[in-house]
Amino acid sequence: MMAPSDDMDLDAMLKELGQFGKFQTVYFTMLLFPVLLCGFQSTEYIFTTMNIPHRCRIPECEGTTGDASFSTPWLTHAVPLNKDHEPENCLRYRPLSNNTVGLNTSCPADLFNLNVTQECQEWVFAESARSIAHDFNIMCPKDFWKLTILGSFSVMTSFVGLPLVGLISDRLGRKTVMVYGAVLICCVGIIRSFAVNYEMLASLEILNGLVTGTVYGPAFLLGLETLSPSKRLLGSMLVNVYFAMGEVVMGCYMWIVQDWRILLRFFYIPMLAVAALHWLLPESVRWLYTRGRYDDIEIIFNKIAKINKTENSLQNVLTDLRTPKPIDKNQVGKGEAQEPVKSLRLTAVFKSRIIMWRLFVCALCWVASIFAYYGISQNATYLSGGNRYATFLLVSLVEVPAYIASLWIPDWSFLGRRGTNAWSFFVAGVSCLALMFVSSAPDYQWLSLILFLVAKFASTMTITVIYLYTAEVFPTEVRHSLLSTCSMFGRIGSILSQQIRLVELYVDPNLVFGVVSLIGGVLALTCPETLGTKLPDTILEAEAIGRDVSQPTAEKQPQ
């Protein structure tokens, strides 16, 4: 059995052909569109399921038709207030007479029995936006679980979809899964916008969850696996900035259209054009390399050399690509020395205690990171006294400097990937805990916003570094499978973050976000450092990460 020579490994070949030239620039520009789709899809629920402040309509004082003001001088005569001194959503005081519709616009207290309340069937809203709650009559606190569970349906079914996506991607290729998955997501999104009842919408959310992980993971790996080691962090930063842009686009669209159905159609219909990437975007060269598809790699290398104007290095690269050598049985992966094979098997991963421990820790870090990331975003839209769209846009835009900072900070030798991840968790946790003391004070609204931005900045750093770290710490042929597994567990955090508003009567959400972030920081410190290491292709190479360089199985990154 033969394989490429070790004289020049794939990382060195990519470096010879240009580390981030015109080819890589065009390549990452094409990745913008599927990743933009991911950013939009992952946060759309914040606005499609939002609970617009509302109160009962009082026919005795404002009639049964026409516009009505949400806040009026007589409101406390007709509607009870909750513990936050806001009008109850579905309760009003019982009228003393049933024949006083619209007769008294001053609405004195003697029109109502202030000792008896009743539910209502018509409402007045503080904003003009329409969400799912409007169309499916989810107005009372007893039904609010229907809003939070919609996003959870999608996330829960992703527990089935994500591992399958990883396996399919490792077998069929990153590009194939990404393109077909993006088209499916767009189609489901368009159909959701025409849902005629809650049951239909919930069913489509379940279907959406099965395909929700088909885009970002493959797109991230397509970018990462096309770059040499020194440019992997740049590639990671670009993909994540694209994701933040998707969130910003979503917030801007909703601010403009103010209707959840139009929002979905306005975005998903044009995004069907992403299908063109099937013909425009080359497959991951590293995935082709592990599959032994050297003819396909040669075609891509020729294209890279031509576009980057590095043809003078092409012949040496192609010669080394085709230079054979016997396969070392020790390089197939621990537990498979009896029968050398080209592809690592997942069963070999389960035999490695080191890899399994890393998988466990990474999965928990993913839960903490995603829980805080999405929870902070959602909580910011309910910031007292602010414009929910402007606040969301600020909280989304602050991700961009966080991603840019992630281009350098994880490369600092005194921090590395592990230190950056841990300290980002700690900063996010402390900021959330500080919010407990200022978020309800109107005089400190500016400070609340600053703390939200700091917390989101730090939680964004954790997302960036944990994604990069997970991709760097596992071997190539099972990388996407294990990355998808971690992402699958991370969805637990997404589920919990969507339910947090149901328990806010009993515990401050900021306390939960803060404690979970601090726990994530402690877990991150137990991970080995991957700064400067070679992207591992085998289990033995992955196990060697973090070992003393004097050990024979450890490999240093060539400079």
Protein backbone atom coordinates (compact mmCIF):
# COMPACT_ATOMS: atom_id res chain seq x y z
CA MET A 1 0.00 0.00 0.00
CA MET A 2 1.33 3.42 -0.94
CA ALA A 3 0.79 7.00 0.23
CA PRO A 4 2.31 10.44 -0.40
CA SER A 5 5.85 11.11 0.68
CA ASP A 6 6.69 12.72 3.99
CA ASP A 7 9.31 14.91 2.34
CA MET A 8 6.65 17.58 1.95
CA ASP A 9 3.38 17.11 3.81
CA LEU A 10 0.12 18.73 2.74
CA ASP A 11 0.63 21.77 4.97
CA ALA A 12 3.98 22.42 3.31
CA MET A 13 2.46 21.95 -0.16
CA LEU A 14 -0.26 24.52 0.55
CA LYS A 15 2.35 26.93 1.88
CA GLU A 16 4.45 26.53 -1.27
CA LEU A 17 1.46 27.39 -3.47
CA GLY A 18 0.64 30.59 -1.60
CA GLN A 19 -0.68 30.86 1.93
CA PHE A 20 -3.44 33.42 1.39
CA GLY A 21 -3.27 34.66 -2.15
CA LYS A 22 -5.90 35.52 -4.72
CA PHE A 23 -7.21 31.94 -4.84
CA GLN A 24 -7.86 31.81 -1.11
CA THR A 25 -9.44 35.29 -1.22
CA VAL A 26 -11.92 34.19 -3.88
CA TYR A 27 -12.48 30.90 -2.04
CA PHE A 28 -13.40 32.63 1.21
CA THR A 29 -15.56 35.16 -0.61
CA MET A 30 -17.67 32.29 -1.93
CA LEU A 31 -17.93 30.87 1.59
CA LEU A 32 -19.52 34.17 2.68
CA PHE A 33 -22.97 33.22 1.40
CA PRO A 34 -23.51 29.86 3.13
CA VAL A 35 -22.07 31.20 6.39
CA LEU A 36 -24.27 34.31 6.13
CA LEU A 37 -27.17 31.88 5.90
CA CYS A 38 -26.02 30.20 9.13
CA GLY A 39 -25.83 33.47 11.04
CA PHE A 40 -29.34 34.40 9.95
CA GLN A 41 -30.84 31.00 10.65
CA SER A 42 -29.27 30.54 14.07
CA THR A 43 -30.74 33.76 15.52
CA GLU A 44 -33.96 34.29 13.59
CA TYR A 45 -35.97 32.75 16.46
CA ILE A 46 -35.10 35.77 18.63
CA PHE A 47 -37.44 37.88 16.50
CA THR A 48 -39.80 35.32 14.94
CA THR A 49 -40.81 34.07 18.41
CA MET A 50 -40.42 37.33 20.35
CA ASN A 51 -43.05 38.26 22.87
CA ILE A 52 -44.08 41.83 22.03
CA PRO A 53 -45.28 43.68 25.18
CA HIS A 54 -49.07 43.68 25.09
CA ARG A 55 -52.13 44.19 27.29
CA CYS A 56 -55.85 43.57 27.10
CA ARG A 57 -57.91 45.86 24.93
CA ILE A 58 -60.54 47.70 26.99
CA PRO A 59 -63.67 48.13 24.80
CA GLU A 60 -65.33 50.33 27.42
CA CYS A 61 -62.64 52.98 26.95
CA GLU A 62 -61.08 52.49 23.50
CA GLY A 63 -63.73 50.66 21.49
CA THR A 64 -63.35 47.35 19.67
CA THR A 65 -61.72 48.65 16.47
CA GLY A 66 -59.11 51.16 15.41
CA ASP A 67 -55.73 52.07 16.84
CA ALA A 68 -55.19 52.24 20.59
CA SER A 69 -52.29 53.53 22.65
CA PHE A 70 -50.46 50.96 24.76
CA SER A 71 -49.85 53.39 27.64
CA THR A 72 -52.74 55.58 28.81
CA PRO A 73 -53.42 57.61 31.99
CA TRP A 74 -56.35 55.37 32.96
CA LEU A 75 -54.56 52.06 32.43
CA THR A 76 -54.27 51.15 36.13
CA HIS A 77 -58.07 51.51 36.47
CA ALA A 78 -58.68 48.79 33.89
CA VAL A 79 -55.65 46.46 33.85
CA PRO A 80 -53.76 44.96 36.82
CA LEU A 81 -49.99 45.37 36.93
CA ASN A 82 -47.41 42.62 37.42
CA LYS A 83 -44.46 42.63 39.82
CA ASP A 84 -42.44 44.75 37.35
CA HIS A 85 -45.26 47.34 37.28
CA GLU A 86 -46.11 46.44 33.69
CA PRO A 87 -49.66 45.62 32.48
CA GLU A 88 -50.67 41.98 32.72
CA ASN A 89 -50.73 40.30 29.31
CA CYS A 90 -54.10 38.54 29.52
CA LEU A 91 -55.95 39.90 32.54
CA ARG A 92 -58.18 42.93 32.98
CA TYR A 93 -60.58 44.11 35.65
CA ARG A 94 -64.17 42.96 35.17
CA PRO A 95 -66.49 45.76 33.95
CA LEU A 96 -69.50 46.62 36.12
CA SER A 97 -71.69 46.86 33.01
CA ASN A 98 -71.65 45.06 29.65
CA ASN A 99 -73.22 47.96 27.74
CA THR A 100 -70.56 50.63 27.97
CA VAL A 101 -68.47 49.91 24.88
CA GLY A 102 -66.53 53.02 23.90
CA LEU A 103 -68.79 55.31 25.93
CA ASN A 104 -66.21 56.82 28.28
CA THR A 105 -62.76 57.67 26.93
CA SER A 106 -61.64 58.98 30.34
CA CYS A 107 -62.17 55.47 31.70
CA PRO A 108 -62.72 56.17 35.43
CA ALA A 109 -62.11 53.47 38.01
CA ASP A 110 -65.84 53.19 38.84
CA LEU A 111 -66.40 51.40 35.52
CA PHE A 112 -64.60 48.30 36.85
CA ASN A 113 -64.63 45.90 39.74
CA LEU A 114 -61.03 46.25 40.95
CA ASN A 115 -61.34 43.08 43.04
CA VAL A 116 -62.17 40.72 40.16
CA THR A 117 -60.11 39.99 37.04
CA GLN A 118 -60.97 38.14 33.85
CA GLU A 119 -59.14 37.00 30.74
CA CYS A 120 -59.49 38.88 27.47
CA GLN A 121 -59.53 37.95 23.77
CA GLU A 122 -58.24 41.16 22.15
CA TRP A 123 -54.97 42.96 22.77
CA VAL A 124 -53.12 46.23 22.30
CA PHE A 125 -49.39 46.02 21.46
CA ALA A 126 -46.51 48.29 22.37
CA GLU A 127 -44.89 47.74 18.92
CA SER A 128 -46.13 47.26 15.38
CA ALA A 129 -44.00 44.16 14.67
CA ARG A 130 -45.70 40.81 14.11
CA SER A 131 -44.26 37.57 15.46
CA ILE A 132 -45.46 33.99 15.57
CA ALA A 133 -47.32 34.87 18.77
CA HIS A 134 -49.70 37.14 16.81
CA ASP A 135 -50.60 34.64 14.10
CA PHE A 136 -51.14 31.67 16.39
CA ASN A 137 -52.69 33.49 19.37
CA ILE A 138 -49.88 32.82 21.87
CA MET A 139 -50.59 35.78 24.13
CA CYS A 140 -50.89 34.51 27.69
CA PRO A 141 -48.08 33.41 30.03
CA LYS A 142 -49.56 29.91 30.27
CA ASP A 143 -48.87 29.50 26.52
CA PHE A 144 -45.45 31.17 26.29
CA TRP A 145 -43.78 27.75 26.35
CA LYS A 146 -45.08 27.29 22.82
CA LEU A 147 -42.76 30.09 21.68
CA THR A 148 -39.64 28.86 23.47
CA ILE A 149 -40.21 25.24 22.47
CA LEU A 150 -40.27 26.07 18.75
CA GLY A 151 -36.55 26.82 18.67
CA SER A 152 -35.94 23.86 20.95
CA PHE A 153 -37.68 21.50 18.51
CA SER A 154 -35.11 22.45 15.89
CA VAL A 155 -32.22 22.13 18.31
CA MET A 156 -33.34 18.80 19.75
CA THR A 157 -33.66 17.14 16.34
CA SER A 158 -30.18 18.43 15.51
CA PHE A 159 -28.93 15.84 18.02
CA VAL A 160 -29.81 13.30 15.34
CA GLY A 161 -28.80 15.43 12.38
CA LEU A 162 -25.37 16.68 13.48
CA PRO A 163 -23.64 13.30 13.97
CA LEU A 164 -25.08 12.12 10.64
CA VAL A 165 -23.85 15.30 8.96
CA GLY A 166 -20.37 14.70 10.32
CA LEU A 167 -20.29 11.11 9.12
CA ILE A 168 -21.66 12.01 5.69
CA SER A 169 -19.25 14.93 5.36
CA ASP A 170 -16.26 12.73 6.23
CA ARG A 171 -17.44 10.21 3.65
CA LEU A 172 -18.88 12.31 0.80
CA GLY A 173 -16.99 15.57 1.22
CA ARG A 174 -17.45 18.96 2.84
CA LYS A 175 -18.72 20.82 -0.23
CA THR A 176 -21.43 18.29 -1.10
CA VAL A 177 -22.95 18.39 2.38
CA MET A 178 -22.70 22.18 2.65
CA VAL A 179 -24.36 22.99 -0.68
CA TYR A 180 -27.22 20.49 -0.48
CA GLY A 181 -27.76 21.36 3.18
CA ALA A 182 -27.98 25.09 2.41
CA VAL A 183 -30.59 24.48 -0.29
CA LEU A 184 -32.64 22.33 2.10
CA ILE A 185 -32.48 24.98 4.83
CA CYS A 186 -33.71 27.65 2.40
CA CYS A 187 -36.58 25.46 1.20
CA VAL A 188 -37.70 24.65 4.75
CA GLY A 189 -37.44 28.33 5.70
CA ILE A 190 -39.63 29.39 2.77
CA ILE A 191 -42.26 26.75 3.58
CA ARG A 192 -42.25 27.81 7.25
CA SER A 193 -43.22 31.33 6.21
CA PHE A 194 -46.48 29.87 4.81
CA ALA A 195 -47.38 27.82 7.91
CA VAL A 196 -51.15 27.89 8.48
CA ASN A 197 -51.18 26.62 12.07
CA TYR A 198 -48.90 26.00 15.02
CA GLU A 199 -48.70 22.25 14.42
CA MET A 200 -47.46 22.74 10.87
CA LEU A 201 -44.86 25.24 12.06
CA ALA A 202 -43.65 22.92 14.82
CA SER A 203 -43.30 20.03 12.35
CA LEU A 204 -41.22 22.19 10.02
CA GLU A 205 -39.01 23.26 12.93
CA ILE A 206 -38.29 19.58 13.60
CA LEU A 207 -37.35 19.08 9.95
CA ASN A 208 -35.24 22.23 10.09
CA GLY A 209 -33.27 20.75 12.98
CA LEU A 210 -32.29 17.71 10.95
CA VAL A 211 -30.50 19.88 8.39
CA THR A 212 -29.45 22.81 10.56
CA GLY A 213 -25.88 21.57 11.02
CA THR A 214 -25.20 20.88 7.37
CA VAL A 215 -23.70 24.27 6.51
CA TYR A 216 -21.53 25.91 9.15
CA GLY A 217 -19.39 22.90 10.09
CA PRO A 218 -18.58 21.93 6.49
CA ALA A 219 -18.02 25.59 5.53
CA PHE A 220 -15.65 26.09 8.47
CA LEU A 221 -13.69 22.96 7.58
CA LEU A 222 -13.60 23.86 3.88
CA GLY A 223 -11.88 27.09 4.81
CA LEU A 224 -9.63 25.62 7.48
CA GLU A 225 -8.47 22.63 5.43
CA THR A 226 -7.57 24.77 2.42
CA LEU A 227 -5.05 26.87 4.36
CA SER A 228 -1.56 26.25 5.70
CA PRO A 229 -1.17 26.29 9.51
CA SER A 230 -0.02 29.90 9.79
CA LYS A 231 -3.21 31.14 8.11
CA ARG A 232 -5.74 28.89 9.82
CA LEU A 233 -6.54 31.52 12.44
CA LEU A 234 -7.17 34.13 9.72
CA GLY A 235 -9.53 31.72 7.97
CA SER A 236 -11.34 31.01 11.23
CA MET A 237 -11.75 34.73 11.86
CA LEU A 238 -13.20 35.39 8.40
CA VAL A 239 -15.76 32.60 8.66
CA ASN A 240 -16.90 33.88 12.03
CA VAL A 241 -17.14 37.49 10.82
CA TYR A 242 -19.40 36.21 8.03
CA PHE A 243 -21.58 34.58 10.70
CA ALA A 244 -21.90 37.88 12.58
CA MET A 245 -22.83 39.59 9.32
CA GLY A 246 -25.68 37.10 8.98
CA GLU A 247 -26.97 38.15 12.40
CA VAL A 248 -26.72 41.83 11.45
CA VAL A 249 -28.60 41.20 8.19
CA MET A 250 -31.32 39.40 10.12
CA GLY A 251 -31.68 42.26 12.62
CA CYS A 252 -31.79 44.89 9.85
CA TYR A 253 -34.36 42.93 7.84
CA MET A 254 -36.67 42.53 10.85
CA TRP A 255 -36.30 46.19 11.76
CA ILE A 256 -37.44 47.06 8.23
CA VAL A 257 -40.18 44.49 7.48
CA GLN A 258 -41.58 44.06 11.05
CA ASP A 259 -43.21 40.75 10.09
CA TRP A 260 -41.82 37.26 10.69
CA ARG A 261 -43.30 35.76 7.50
CA ILE A 262 -41.91 38.46 5.23
CA LEU A 263 -38.58 38.19 7.06
CA LEU A 264 -38.20 34.51 6.15
CA ARG A 265 -39.20 34.97 2.52
CA PHE A 266 -37.09 38.10 2.09
CA PHE A 267 -33.94 36.19 3.04
CA TYR A 268 -34.35 32.52 2.13
CA ILE A 269 -35.65 32.93 -1.44
CA PRO A 270 -32.55 34.85 -2.72
CA MET A 271 -30.28 32.52 -0.74
CA LEU A 272 -31.29 29.59 -2.98
CA ALA A 273 -28.58 30.93 -5.30
CA VAL A 274 -26.03 29.24 -2.99
CA ALA A 275 -26.65 26.10 -5.07
CA ALA A 276 -24.25 27.56 -7.65
CA LEU A 277 -21.35 26.75 -5.29
CA HIS A 278 -21.71 23.13 -6.32
CA TRP A 279 -19.99 24.08 -9.57
CA LEU A 280 -17.91 27.04 -8.42
CA LEU A 281 -16.29 25.89 -5.16
CA PRO A 282 -13.46 23.30 -5.07
CA GLU A 283 -13.60 20.49 -2.50
CA SER A 284 -11.35 20.45 0.58
CA VAL A 285 -7.86 19.38 -0.53
CA ARG A 286 -7.15 17.84 2.86
CA TRP A 287 -10.27 15.67 2.64
CA LEU A 288 -9.26 14.62 -0.89
CA TYR A 289 -5.74 13.93 0.41
CA THR A 290 -6.94 11.53 3.10
CA ARG A 291 -9.11 9.79 0.50
CA GLY A 292 -6.18 9.29 -1.85
CA ARG A 293 -7.84 11.30 -4.66
CA TYR A 294 -4.58 12.74 -5.96
CA ASP A 295 -5.91 13.44 -9.46
CA ASP A 296 -8.51 15.81 -7.99
CA ILE A 297 -5.87 17.40 -5.78
CA GLU A 298 -3.62 17.95 -8.79
CA ILE A 299 -6.42 19.80 -10.60
CA ILE A 300 -6.96 22.07 -7.59
CA PHE A 301 -3.21 22.61 -7.12
CA ASN A 302 -2.89 23.66 -10.75
CA LYS A 303 -5.72 26.14 -10.27
CA ILE A 304 -4.17 27.51 -7.04
CA ALA A 305 -0.76 27.92 -8.68
CA LYS A 306 -2.23 29.66 -11.71
CA ILE A 307 -4.36 32.10 -9.73
CA ASN A 308 -1.70 32.77 -7.06
CA LYS A 309 1.04 32.97 -9.71
CA THR A 310 3.17 30.31 -8.01
CA GLU A 311 3.66 28.02 -11.03
CA ASN A 312 7.40 27.86 -10.31
CA SER A 313 6.66 25.82 -7.16
CA LEU A 314 3.97 23.66 -8.76
CA GLN A 315 6.20 20.95 -10.24
CA ASN A 316 7.97 20.22 -6.95
CA VAL A 317 4.63 20.05 -5.14
CA LEU A 318 3.10 17.68 -7.69
CA THR A 319 6.19 15.49 -7.72
CA ASP A 320 6.11 15.15 -3.95
CA LEU A 321 2.35 14.53 -4.01
CA ARG A 322 2.91 11.56 -6.31
CA THR A 323 6.00 10.20 -4.54
CA PRO A 324 4.95 6.91 -2.88
CA LYS A 325 6.19 5.22 0.27
CA PRO A 326 5.04 2.23 2.32
CA ILE A 327 2.39 3.07 4.89
CA ASP A 328 3.55 2.86 8.50
CA LYS A 329 1.10 0.65 10.36
CA ASN A 330 1.54 2.82 13.45
CA GLN A 331 0.08 5.78 11.58
CA VAL A 332 -3.32 4.24 10.90
CA GLY A 333 -4.48 4.89 14.41
CA LYS A 334 -4.26 3.22 17.77
CA GLY A 335 -5.91 -0.18 17.87
CA GLU A 336 -5.67 -0.82 14.10
CA ALA A 337 -2.09 -2.02 13.73
CA GLN A 338 -3.29 -5.52 12.89
CA GLU A 339 -4.95 -4.36 9.65
CA PRO A 340 -3.66 -1.17 8.00
CA VAL A 341 -6.40 0.80 6.28
CA LYS A 342 -6.57 4.14 4.55
CA SER A 343 -9.38 5.56 6.67
CA LEU A 344 -9.47 5.78 10.42
CA ARG A 345 -12.49 4.18 12.02
CA LEU A 346 -14.50 5.77 14.75
CA THR A 347 -14.05 2.58 16.79
CA ALA A 348 -10.36 3.48 17.09
CA VAL A 349 -11.33 6.79 18.68
CA PHE A 350 -13.24 5.00 21.44
CA LYS A 351 -10.12 2.98 22.27
CA SER A 352 -8.10 6.13 22.94
CA ARG A 353 -8.58 7.42 26.49
CA ILE A 354 -6.81 10.67 25.62
CA ILE A 355 -9.09 11.44 22.67
CA MET A 356 -12.23 10.43 24.59
CA TRP A 357 -11.30 12.69 27.54
CA ARG A 358 -10.70 15.61 25.19
CA LEU A 359 -14.02 14.91 23.51
CA PHE A 360 -15.76 14.99 26.90
CA VAL A 361 -14.14 18.28 27.97
CA CYS A 362 -14.66 19.92 24.57
CA ALA A 363 -18.33 18.91 24.58
CA LEU A 364 -18.88 20.53 28.00
CA CYS A 365 -17.05 23.69 26.90
CA TRP A 366 -19.30 23.82 23.85
CA VAL A 367 -22.40 23.62 26.06
CA ALA A 368 -21.19 26.48 28.27
CA SER A 369 -20.04 28.60 25.32
CA ILE A 370 -23.20 28.32 23.23
CA PHE A 371 -25.47 28.71 26.26
CA ALA A 372 -23.87 32.04 27.17
CA TYR A 373 -23.50 33.22 23.56
CA TYR A 374 -27.15 32.81 22.55
CA GLY A 375 -28.51 33.61 25.99
CA ILE A 376 -26.74 36.98 26.08
CA SER A 377 -28.00 37.81 22.57
CA GLN A 378 -31.59 36.99 23.44
CA ASN A 379 -31.48 38.70 26.82
CA ALA A 380 -30.15 41.90 25.27
CA THR A 381 -33.33 42.35 23.20
CA TYR A 382 -35.30 42.67 26.45
CA LEU A 383 -33.05 45.38 27.87
CA SER A 384 -35.28 47.82 29.73
CA GLY A 385 -35.93 51.11 27.96
CA GLY A 386 -33.99 50.35 24.77
CA ASN A 387 -34.81 49.72 21.11
CA ARG A 388 -34.67 45.94 20.75
CA TYR A 389 -33.41 46.11 17.14
CA ALA A 390 -30.69 48.66 17.80
CA THR A 391 -29.55 46.72 20.88
CA PHE A 392 -29.47 43.46 18.95
CA LEU A 393 -27.46 45.06 16.15
CA LEU A 394 -24.92 46.44 18.63
CA VAL A 395 -24.63 43.08 20.38
CA SER A 396 -24.15 41.42 16.97
CA LEU A 397 -21.69 44.00 15.64
CA VAL A 398 -19.49 43.67 18.72
CA GLU A 399 -18.75 40.15 17.49
CA VAL A 400 -16.73 41.59 14.60
CA PRO A 401 -13.97 43.16 16.76
CA ALA A 402 -14.07 39.99 18.86
CA TYR A 403 -13.38 37.89 15.78
CA ILE A 404 -10.66 40.29 14.65
CA ALA A 405 -9.07 40.13 18.12
CA SER A 406 -9.18 36.34 17.86
CA LEU A 407 -6.84 36.65 14.90
CA TRP A 408 -3.97 37.62 17.23
CA ILE A 409 -4.79 36.87 20.85
CA PRO A 410 -4.86 33.03 20.54
CA ASP A 411 -1.39 33.26 18.92
CA TRP A 412 0.12 35.05 21.93
CA SER A 413 2.52 32.55 23.45
CA PHE A 414 1.60 33.39 27.06
CA LEU A 415 -2.10 32.73 26.34
CA GLY A 416 -2.43 30.42 23.35
CA ARG A 417 -5.71 28.73 22.51
CA ARG A 418 -6.27 27.39 26.03
CA GLY A 419 -5.59 30.64 27.90
CA THR A 420 -7.65 32.74 25.48
CA ASN A 421 -10.60 30.39 25.83
CA ALA A 422 -10.42 30.26 29.62
CA TRP A 423 -10.05 34.01 30.17
CA SER A 424 -12.83 34.77 27.69
CA PHE A 425 -15.13 32.54 29.72
CA PHE A 426 -14.09 34.31 32.92
CA VAL A 427 -14.66 37.82 31.49
CA ALA A 428 -18.09 36.84 30.15
CA GLY A 429 -19.01 35.31 33.51
CA VAL A 430 -17.98 38.32 35.57
CA SER A 431 -19.80 40.71 33.20
CA CYS A 432 -23.02 38.71 33.45
CA LEU A 433 -22.80 38.62 37.25
CA ALA A 434 -22.29 42.40 37.29
CA LEU A 435 -25.43 42.82 35.17
CA MET A 436 -27.48 41.43 38.04
CA PHE A 437 -26.91 44.63 39.99
CA VAL A 438 -27.45 47.24 37.26
CA SER A 439 -29.85 45.82 34.61
CA SER A 440 -33.00 46.83 36.52
CA ALA A 441 -31.78 50.35 37.37
CA PRO A 442 -33.02 52.90 34.77
CA ASP A 443 -30.26 55.36 35.67
CA TYR A 444 -27.63 52.80 34.70
CA GLN A 445 -29.06 51.68 31.36
CA TRP A 446 -25.85 52.80 29.63
CA LEU A 447 -23.79 50.64 31.98
CA SER A 448 -26.06 47.66 31.34
CA LEU A 449 -25.51 48.05 27.61
CA ILE A 450 -21.72 48.24 28.08
CA LEU A 451 -21.74 45.10 30.22
CA PHE A 452 -23.87 43.30 27.63
CA LEU A 453 -21.37 44.26 24.93
CA VAL A 454 -18.40 43.12 27.03
CA ALA A 455 -20.13 39.82 27.83
CA LYS A 456 -21.01 39.25 24.18
CA PHE A 457 -17.47 40.16 23.08
CA ALA A 458 -16.01 37.61 25.49
CA SER A 459 -18.56 34.88 24.71
CA THR A 460 -17.85 35.39 21.01
CA MET A 461 -14.17 34.80 21.71
CA THR A 462 -15.03 31.53 23.43
CA ILE A 463 -17.08 30.39 20.43
CA THR A 464 -14.25 31.26 18.04
CA VAL A 465 -11.47 29.61 19.99
CA ILE A 466 -13.40 26.48 20.98
CA TYR A 467 -14.32 25.89 17.33
CA LEU A 468 -10.72 26.35 16.23
CA TYR A 469 -9.40 24.29 19.14
CA THR A 470 -11.76 21.40 18.42
CA ALA A 471 -10.68 21.37 14.78
CA GLU A 472 -7.00 21.38 15.77
CA VAL A 473 -7.08 18.70 18.46
CA PHE A 474 -8.72 15.81 16.53
CA PRO A 475 -7.36 13.82 13.53
CA THR A 476 -8.38 14.66 9.96
CA GLU A 477 -10.42 11.62 8.96
CA VAL A 478 -12.71 11.83 11.99
CA ARG A 479 -12.35 15.57 12.56
CA HIS A 480 -15.76 16.53 11.28
CA SER A 481 -17.44 13.62 13.04
CA LEU A 482 -16.00 14.69 16.40
CA LEU A 483 -16.52 18.38 15.65
CA SER A 484 -20.17 17.61 14.90
CA THR A 485 -20.43 15.58 18.10
CA CYS A 486 -19.18 18.55 20.15
CA SER A 487 -21.50 20.85 18.24
CA MET A 488 -24.37 18.44 18.94
CA PHE A 489 -23.73 18.66 22.69
CA GLY A 490 -23.38 22.41 22.34
CA ARG A 491 -26.99 22.44 21.21
CA ILE A 492 -27.94 21.60 24.78
CA GLY A 493 -26.74 25.09 25.62
CA SER A 494 -28.87 26.52 22.84
CA ILE A 495 -31.95 24.66 24.11
CA LEU A 496 -31.43 25.86 27.66
CA SER A 497 -30.78 29.46 26.61
CA GLN A 498 -34.16 29.56 24.83
CA GLN A 499 -35.98 28.28 27.92
CA ILE A 500 -34.33 30.66 30.37
CA ARG A 501 -37.08 33.27 30.05
CA LEU A 502 -39.58 30.75 31.42
CA VAL A 503 -37.76 30.62 34.76
CA GLU A 504 -36.80 34.29 35.11
CA LEU A 505 -39.51 34.70 37.75
CA TYR A 506 -37.42 32.48 40.02
CA VAL A 507 -33.81 33.26 39.06
CA ASP A 508 -32.01 36.10 37.29
CA PRO A 509 -30.88 34.87 33.83
CA ASN A 510 -27.65 36.83 34.22
CA LEU A 511 -26.75 34.77 37.28
CA VAL A 512 -27.15 31.56 35.29
CA PHE A 513 -25.13 32.86 32.34
CA GLY A 514 -22.39 34.08 34.68
CA VAL A 515 -22.01 30.85 36.65
CA VAL A 516 -22.05 28.65 33.54
CA SER A 517 -19.37 30.83 31.90
CA LEU A 518 -17.11 30.57 34.94
CA ILE A 519 -17.47 26.78 34.91
CA GLY A 520 -16.56 26.80 31.20
CA GLY A 521 -13.38 28.74 32.02
CA VAL A 522 -12.28 26.14 34.57
CA LEU A 523 -12.91 23.31 32.09
CA ALA A 524 -10.92 25.11 29.38
CA LEU A 525 -7.85 25.14 31.62
CA THR A 526 -7.81 21.32 31.63
CA CYS A 527 -7.23 21.18 27.85
CA PRO A 528 -3.78 20.80 26.21
CA GLU A 529 -2.36 23.70 24.22
CA THR A 530 -2.53 23.42 20.40
CA LEU A 531 -0.67 26.62 19.50
CA GLY A 532 2.05 25.84 16.93
CA THR A 533 1.10 22.18 16.54
CA LYS A 534 0.71 20.34 13.26
CA LEU A 535 -2.90 19.67 12.28
CA PRO A 536 -3.05 15.95 13.16
CA ASP A 537 -3.97 13.40 10.52
CA THR A 538 -3.81 10.28 12.73
CA ILE A 539 -4.89 9.36 16.24
CA LEU A 540 -1.28 9.00 17.34
CA GLU A 541 -0.51 12.52 16.12
CA ALA A 542 -3.59 13.83 17.94
CA GLU A 543 -2.63 12.04 21.16
CA ALA A 544 0.85 13.56 20.99
CA ILE A 545 -0.54 17.11 21.30
CA GLY A 546 0.34 18.47 24.71
CA ARG A 547 3.02 15.90 25.44
CA ASP A 548 6.60 16.82 26.21
CA VAL A 549 8.48 17.41 22.96
CA SER A 550 11.11 14.92 24.06
CA GLN A 551 8.63 12.08 23.60
CA PRO A 552 9.16 10.28 20.31
CA THR A 553 5.52 10.39 19.19
CA ALA A 554 5.17 14.11 19.53
CA GLU A 555 5.61 16.24 16.45
CA LYS A 556 6.57 19.84 16.26
CA GLN A 557 5.09 22.23 13.77
CA PRO A 558 7.64 22.99 11.04
CA GLN A 559 8.58 26.63 10.98
